C-alpha atoms as a PDB file:
ATOM      1  CA  UNK A   1      12.207 -35.297  43.090  1.00  0.00           C
ATOM      2  CA  UNK A   2      10.245 -37.970  41.631  1.00  0.00           C
ATOM      3  CA  UNK A   3       7.156 -36.806  43.852  1.00  0.00           C
ATOM      4  CA  UNK A   4       7.815 -33.134  42.699  1.00  0.00           C
ATOM      5  CA  UNK A   5       7.785 -34.271  38.817  1.00  0.00           C
ATOM      6  CA  UNK A   6       4.623 -36.404  39.473  1.00  0.00           C
ATOM      7  CA  UNK A   7       2.960 -33.232  41.126  1.00  0.00           C
ATOM      8  CA  UNK A   8       4.096 -30.897  38.072  1.00  0.00           C
ATOM      9  CA  UNK A   9       2.498 -33.552  35.673  1.00  0.00           C
ATOM     10  CA  UNK A  10      -0.569 -33.448  37.715  1.00  0.00           C
ATOM     11  CA  UNK A  11      -0.677 -29.771  37.893  1.00  0.00           C
ATOM     12  CA  UNK A  12       0.149 -29.625  34.196  1.00  0.00           C
ATOM     13  CA  UNK A  13      -2.911 -31.989  33.637  1.00  0.00           C
ATOM     14  CA  UNK A  14      -5.025 -29.562  35.753  1.00  0.00           C
ATOM     15  CA  UNK A  15      -4.048 -26.737  33.714  1.00  0.00           C
ATOM     16  CA  UNK A  16      -4.847 -28.288  30.529  1.00  0.00           C
ATOM     17  CA  UNK A  17      -8.212 -28.798  31.864  1.00  0.00           C
ATOM     18  CA  UNK A  18      -8.385 -25.045  32.973  1.00  0.00           C
ATOM     19  CA  UNK A  19      -6.529 -23.188  30.755  1.00  0.00           C
ATOM     20  CA  UNK A  20      -2.899 -23.402  29.596  1.00  0.00           C
ATOM     21  CA  UNK A  21      -1.721 -20.254  28.178  1.00  0.00           C
ATOM     22  CA  UNK A  22       1.939 -20.602  27.639  1.00  0.00           C
ATOM     23  CA  UNK A  23       4.190 -19.313  24.878  1.00  0.00           C
ATOM     24  CA  UNK A  24       3.663 -21.622  21.764  1.00  0.00           C
ATOM     25  CA  UNK A  25       5.565 -22.681  18.804  1.00  0.00           C
ATOM     26  CA  UNK A  26       5.337 -21.175  15.360  1.00  0.00           C
ATOM     27  CA  UNK A  27       2.371 -22.334  13.441  1.00  0.00           C
ATOM     28  CA  UNK A  28       0.495 -21.045  10.360  1.00  0.00           C
ATOM     29  CA  UNK A  29      -2.631 -19.916  12.082  1.00  0.00           C
ATOM     30  CA  UNK A  30      -3.032 -16.650  10.612  1.00  0.00           C
ATOM     31  CA  UNK A  31      -3.761 -18.289   7.432  1.00  0.00           C
ATOM     32  CA  UNK A  32      -6.548 -20.296   8.757  1.00  0.00           C
ATOM     33  CA  UNK A  33     -10.005 -19.453   7.709  1.00  0.00           C
ATOM     34  CA  UNK A  34     -11.448 -19.206  11.248  1.00  0.00           C
ATOM     35  CA  UNK A  35      -8.578 -16.800  12.518  1.00  0.00           C
ATOM     36  CA  UNK A  36     -10.179 -13.391  12.667  1.00  0.00           C
ATOM     37  CA  UNK A  37      -8.481 -10.223  13.537  1.00  0.00           C
ATOM     38  CA  UNK A  38      -9.682  -8.441  16.841  1.00  0.00           C
ATOM     39  CA  UNK A  39      -8.734  -4.749  15.770  1.00  0.00           C
ATOM     40  CA  UNK A  40     -11.627  -3.460  17.995  1.00  0.00           C
ATOM     41  CA  UNK A  41      -9.692  -4.639  21.205  1.00  0.00           C
ATOM     42  CA  UNK A  42      -6.374  -2.324  20.406  1.00  0.00           C
ATOM     43  CA  UNK A  43      -7.842   0.350  23.146  1.00  0.00           C
ATOM     44  CA  UNK A  44      -8.232  -2.589  25.794  1.00  0.00           C
ATOM     45  CA  UNK A  45      -4.717  -4.004  24.801  1.00  0.00           C
ATOM     46  CA  UNK A  46      -3.144  -0.702  25.265  1.00  0.00           C
ATOM     47  CA  UNK A  47      -4.749  -0.200  28.646  1.00  0.00           C
ATOM     48  CA  UNK A  48      -3.913  -3.499  30.063  1.00  0.00           C
ATOM     49  CA  UNK A  49      -0.306  -2.914  28.675  1.00  0.00           C
ATOM     50  CA  UNK A  50       0.064   0.301  30.332  1.00  0.00           C
ATOM     51  CA  UNK A  51      -1.132  -1.544  33.672  1.00  0.00           C
ATOM     52  CA  UNK A  52       1.699  -4.307  33.143  1.00  0.00           C
ATOM     53  CA  UNK A  53       4.258  -1.414  32.231  1.00  0.00           C
ATOM     54  CA  UNK A  54       3.316   0.249  35.644  1.00  0.00           C
ATOM     55  CA  UNK A  55       3.649  -2.867  37.904  1.00  0.00           C
ATOM     56  CA  UNK A  56       6.519  -4.926  36.264  1.00  0.00           C
ATOM     57  CA  UNK A  57       9.967  -4.000  35.449  1.00  0.00           C
ATOM     58  CA  UNK A  58       9.395  -5.098  31.930  1.00  0.00           C
ATOM     59  CA  UNK A  59       9.696  -2.563  29.065  1.00  0.00           C
ATOM     60  CA  UNK A  60       6.348  -2.203  27.037  1.00  0.00           C
ATOM     61  CA  UNK A  61       6.671  -3.922  23.904  1.00  0.00           C
ATOM     62  CA  UNK A  62       5.029  -2.980  20.574  1.00  0.00           C
ATOM     63  CA  UNK A  63       1.200  -4.244  20.768  1.00  0.00           C
ATOM     64  CA  UNK A  64       0.726  -7.947  19.781  1.00  0.00           C
ATOM     65  CA  UNK A  65      -1.580  -8.944  16.977  1.00  0.00           C
ATOM     66  CA  UNK A  66      -4.956 -10.453  18.295  1.00  0.00           C
ATOM     67  CA  UNK A  67      -6.916 -13.035  16.432  1.00  0.00           C
ATOM     68  CA  UNK A  68      -9.900 -14.801  17.209  1.00  0.00           C
ATOM     69  CA  UNK A  69     -10.165 -18.399  16.767  1.00  0.00           C
ATOM     70  CA  UNK A  70     -12.465 -21.191  17.457  1.00  0.00           C
ATOM     71  CA  UNK A  71     -12.334 -23.513  20.413  1.00  0.00           C
ATOM     72  CA  UNK A  72     -11.537 -26.494  18.443  1.00  0.00           C
ATOM     73  CA  UNK A  73      -8.500 -24.570  16.720  1.00  0.00           C
ATOM     74  CA  UNK A  74      -7.544 -23.193  20.061  1.00  0.00           C
ATOM     75  CA  UNK A  75      -7.283 -26.836  21.424  1.00  0.00           C
ATOM     76  CA  UNK A  76      -5.448 -27.951  18.406  1.00  0.00           C
ATOM     77  CA  UNK A  77      -3.056 -25.153  18.478  1.00  0.00           C
ATOM     78  CA  UNK A  78      -2.256 -25.796  22.234  1.00  0.00           C
ATOM     79  CA  UNK A  79      -2.486 -29.409  22.525  1.00  0.00           C
ATOM     80  CA  UNK A  80      -1.804 -30.718  19.012  1.00  0.00           C
ATOM     81  CA  UNK A  81      -1.131 -34.551  20.042  1.00  0.00           C
ATOM     82  CA  UNK A  82      -3.939 -34.779  22.435  1.00  0.00           C
ATOM     83  CA  UNK A  83      -6.225 -37.567  21.064  1.00  0.00           C
ATOM     84  CA  UNK A  84      -9.747 -36.074  22.132  1.00  0.00           C
ATOM     85  CA  UNK A  85     -11.226 -32.780  22.496  1.00  0.00           C
ATOM     86  CA  UNK A  86     -11.108 -31.411  25.984  1.00  0.00           C
ATOM     87  CA  UNK A  87     -14.155 -30.764  27.939  1.00  0.00           C
ATOM     88  CA  UNK A  88     -13.273 -27.267  29.226  1.00  0.00           C
ATOM     89  CA  UNK A  89     -12.571 -24.122  27.318  1.00  0.00           C
ATOM     90  CA  UNK A  90      -9.140 -22.421  26.369  1.00  0.00           C
ATOM     91  CA  UNK A  91      -9.467 -18.891  26.741  1.00  0.00           C
ATOM     92  CA  UNK A  92      -6.487 -17.640  24.891  1.00  0.00           C
ATOM     93  CA  UNK A  93      -2.918 -18.610  23.690  1.00  0.00           C
ATOM     94  CA  UNK A  94       0.362 -16.643  22.745  1.00  0.00           C
ATOM     95  CA  UNK A  95       2.514 -17.529  19.914  1.00  0.00           C
ATOM     96  CA  UNK A  96       5.836 -15.732  20.545  1.00  0.00           C
ATOM     97  CA  UNK A  97       7.402 -16.127  16.942  1.00  0.00           C
ATOM     98  CA  UNK A  98       4.077 -14.649  15.410  1.00  0.00           C
ATOM     99  CA  UNK A  99       3.779 -11.947  18.239  1.00  0.00           C
ATOM    100  CA  UNK A 100       0.232 -12.891  18.126  1.00  0.00           C
ATOM    101  CA  UNK A 101      -2.359 -13.508  20.954  1.00  0.00           C
ATOM    102  CA  UNK A 102      -5.087 -15.991  20.005  1.00  0.00           C
ATOM    103  CA  UNK A 103      -8.682 -15.416  21.915  1.00  0.00           C
ATOM    104  CA  UNK A 104     -11.583 -17.704  21.925  1.00  0.00           C
ATOM    105  CA  UNK A 105     -14.358 -16.416  19.491  1.00  0.00           C
ATOM    106  CA  UNK A 106     -16.438 -16.373  22.672  1.00  0.00           C
ATOM    107  CA  UNK A 107     -14.303 -13.459  24.155  1.00  0.00           C
ATOM    108  CA  UNK A 108     -16.371 -10.743  25.906  1.00  0.00           C
ATOM    109  CA  UNK A 109     -14.426  -7.555  26.178  1.00  0.00           C
ATOM    110  CA  UNK A 110     -16.792  -6.420  28.901  1.00  0.00           C
ATOM    111  CA  UNK A 111     -16.185  -9.548  30.937  1.00  0.00           C
ATOM    112  CA  UNK A 112     -13.544  -9.219  33.832  1.00  0.00           C
ATOM    113  CA  UNK A 113     -12.501 -12.866  33.630  1.00  0.00           C
ATOM    114  CA  UNK A 114     -12.179 -12.657  29.830  1.00  0.00           C
ATOM    115  CA  UNK A 115     -10.290  -9.340  29.979  1.00  0.00           C
ATOM    116  CA  UNK A 116      -7.878 -11.216  32.766  1.00  0.00           C
ATOM    117  CA  UNK A 117      -7.007 -13.988  30.377  1.00  0.00           C
ATOM    118  CA  UNK A 118      -6.019 -11.194  27.629  1.00  0.00           C
ATOM    119  CA  UNK A 119      -3.914  -9.732  30.402  1.00  0.00           C
ATOM    120  CA  UNK A 120      -2.480 -13.020  31.119  1.00  0.00           C
ATOM    121  CA  UNK A 121      -1.440 -13.617  27.637  1.00  0.00           C
ATOM    122  CA  UNK A 122      -0.190 -10.031  27.361  1.00  0.00           C
ATOM    123  CA  UNK A 123       2.184 -11.039  30.340  1.00  0.00           C
ATOM    124  CA  UNK A 124       3.639 -13.657  27.949  1.00  0.00           C
ATOM    125  CA  UNK A 125       4.084 -11.153  25.324  1.00  0.00           C
ATOM    126  CA  UNK A 126       5.872  -8.900  27.609  1.00  0.00           C
ATOM    127  CA  UNK A 127       8.057 -11.813  28.878  1.00  0.00           C
ATOM    128  CA  UNK A 128       9.240 -12.727  25.378  1.00  0.00           C
ATOM    129  CA  UNK A 129      10.130  -9.146  24.288  1.00  0.00           C
ATOM    130  CA  UNK A 130      11.955  -8.590  27.532  1.00  0.00           C
ATOM    131  CA  UNK A 131      13.856 -11.958  27.237  1.00  0.00           C
ATOM    132  CA  UNK A 132      17.402 -10.279  27.452  1.00  0.00           C
ATOM    133  CA  UNK A 133      16.316  -8.549  30.790  1.00  0.00           C
ATOM    134  CA  UNK A 134      14.971 -11.779  32.380  1.00  0.00           C
ATOM    135  CA  UNK A 135      17.318 -14.267  31.679  1.00  0.00           C
ATOM    136  CA  UNK A 136      16.615 -17.904  30.873  1.00  0.00           C
ATOM    137  CA  UNK A 137      13.723 -18.895  33.219  1.00  0.00           C
ATOM    138  CA  UNK A 138      11.497 -22.336  33.064  1.00  0.00           C
ATOM    139  CA  UNK A 139       8.130 -22.056  31.647  1.00  0.00           C
ATOM    140  CA  UNK A 140       6.793 -22.768  35.020  1.00  0.00           C
ATOM    141  CA  UNK A 141       8.088 -19.724  36.407  1.00  0.00           C
ATOM    142  CA  UNK A 142       6.852 -17.533  33.377  1.00  0.00           C
ATOM    143  CA  UNK A 143       3.363 -19.284  33.906  1.00  0.00           C
ATOM    144  CA  UNK A 144       3.136 -18.489  37.554  1.00  0.00           C
ATOM    145  CA  UNK A 145       4.094 -14.875  37.064  1.00  0.00           C
ATOM    146  CA  UNK A 146       1.130 -14.573  34.229  1.00  0.00           C
ATOM    147  CA  UNK A 147      -1.331 -16.098  36.740  1.00  0.00           C
ATOM    148  CA  UNK A 148       0.114 -13.949  39.756  1.00  0.00           C
ATOM    149  CA  UNK A 149      -0.247 -10.865  37.611  1.00  0.00           C
ATOM    150  CA  UNK A 150      -3.826 -12.065  36.446  1.00  0.00           C
ATOM    151  CA  UNK A 151      -4.748 -12.601  39.926  1.00  0.00           C
ATOM    152  CA  UNK A 152      -3.698  -8.939  40.998  1.00  0.00           C
ATOM    153  CA  UNK A 153      -5.518  -7.325  38.223  1.00  0.00           C
ATOM    154  CA  UNK A 154      -8.748  -9.272  38.941  1.00  0.00           C
ATOM    155  CA  UNK A 155      -8.185  -8.242  42.588  1.00  0.00           C
ATOM    156  CA  UNK A 156      -7.515  -4.563  41.691  1.00  0.00           C
ATOM    157  CA  UNK A 157     -10.673  -4.882  39.462  1.00  0.00           C
ATOM    158  CA  UNK A 158     -12.745  -5.722  42.717  1.00  0.00           C
ATOM    159  CA  UNK A 159     -12.896  -9.438  42.309  1.00  0.00           C
ATOM    160  CA  UNK A 160     -13.121 -10.647  45.809  1.00  0.00           C
ATOM    161  CA  UNK A 161     -11.560 -14.137  45.414  1.00  0.00           C
ATOM    162  CA  UNK A 162      -9.579 -14.239  42.120  1.00  0.00           C
ATOM    163  CA  UNK A 163      -8.191 -17.576  42.770  1.00  0.00           C
ATOM    164  CA  UNK A 164     -11.799 -19.112  43.043  1.00  0.00           C
ATOM    165  CA  UNK A 165     -12.938 -17.099  40.039  1.00  0.00           C
ATOM    166  CA  UNK A 166     -10.017 -18.794  37.936  1.00  0.00           C
ATOM    167  CA  UNK A 167     -10.527 -22.185  39.449  1.00  0.00           C
ATOM    168  CA  UNK A 168      -7.073 -22.460  40.963  1.00  0.00           C
ATOM    169  CA  UNK A 169      -5.568 -22.623  44.457  1.00  0.00           C
ATOM    170  CA  UNK A 170      -2.535 -21.480  45.865  1.00  0.00           C
ATOM    171  CA  UNK A 171      -1.065 -24.960  46.033  1.00  0.00           C
ATOM    172  CA  UNK A 172      -1.401 -25.708  42.457  1.00  0.00           C
ATOM    173  CA  UNK A 173      -0.015 -22.148  41.500  1.00  0.00           C
ATOM    174  CA  UNK A 174       3.158 -22.983  43.735  1.00  0.00           C
ATOM    175  CA  UNK A 175       3.483 -26.398  41.746  1.00  0.00           C
ATOM    176  CA  UNK A 176       3.088 -24.622  38.431  1.00  0.00           C
ATOM    177  CA  UNK A 177       5.825 -22.063  39.402  1.00  0.00           C
ATOM    178  CA  UNK A 178       8.287 -24.919  40.513  1.00  0.00           C
ATOM    179  CA  UNK A 179       7.861 -27.181  37.394  1.00  0.00           C
ATOM    180  CA  UNK A 180      11.097 -27.089  35.465  1.00  0.00           C
ATOM    181  CA  UNK A 181       9.568 -27.302  32.038  1.00  0.00           C
END
């Protein structure tokens, strides 16, 4: 058990350096000056939501709010107690209490990988809104499901090796899914 927890912590650190996009606690970010609305993404959000609706048992929830934030603000949002700036980028985060997806200001709607991270955050939105249907599940299971759907979407979009594209491997994904927190 101790080895599994160490692996979970190591996998967690790896995700922190890649992208950890899990449901976040309540914050006051919509009032921040660098949070900008992303109204132009509504057609893409509807398209990705329809894709999830067709491939999961989740009921499609109302479209979440989408805001762009600076990388510094995303890092502060995701890792408020981390003492230094991360060297890798956070592509997005979901705040369930606010029903808002936060995307990096460098988000490119034409880029397949960026779109896949928006889909990943939409998975969390679907999970939160279908909580009564899914029961209580660990964050690892929820995060693993979001990654698996993201990988499937990339594969269906023609990406030959989605794992490599996201910089993750199957073993790390299994560790994430088995982490109790």
